[in-house]
Amino acid sequence: MTGRVQIGDLFAEEAVRRFDPTQEEGKALREMMKVRSKNNINQFLLEFENWNVKAKVTGIAFRKLIRDQIPDEGVRRMSMHQEYADDRDWIDALRQLVHDEEDFQEGKRLQDNNFSGSNSSGKRKRAEPTTAKTTKKLNYTAKEERVYRRRKRWRRWRKERRRPGRKLCIEFGLTHIPVSTRK
């Protein structure tokens, strides 16, 4: 009986040792796919390579994962270069090309952004005139509309009734009776 327990323990230990790394690799791959390039290729590649130590992705799949995460300009620049057989050489070339593109974009942004705070003519521009606010039209049910209109008529009637010297017409119900004002 003790032999069976030992065999079961050995089986469980072997199963955990064999299939547990697969779970870690899957988690590392999911985390690796969450990494995004935020205008810093060095930081991005460092995080990506750190997750790849556990995920163990290589070759075309590794390059495709990285290519999907970098900006389009970096992919365009990389496509104009030679093919690299080694992943390490490919990453180094990618790092340099994307870094050059990031520098170019930053320089362009700084060039477009005048630090003087004025336009090229040196004049201030008037603020754009604001247009009338567009309000969202609410959808009411037929009953709500009837109640609203009746209440509005009632208020209008009460307001007219308070004004002396005017003839009034009661619009409620089916009758329209002209009413003279008090003296």
Foldseek 3Di string as FASTA:
>chain_A
DVVVVVVVVVVVVVCCVVCVLVVLLVVLVVVLLPQADDLQLVVSVVSNVVSCVSNVDDDPVSVVSVLVRADPQLVVVLVPDDDDPHPVVSSVVSNVSSNVVSVVVVVVVPVVDDPVPADPVRDDDDDDDDDDDDDDDDDDDPVVVVVVVVVVLVVVQVVVLPDAPDWDWDPPDDDTDIDHHDD
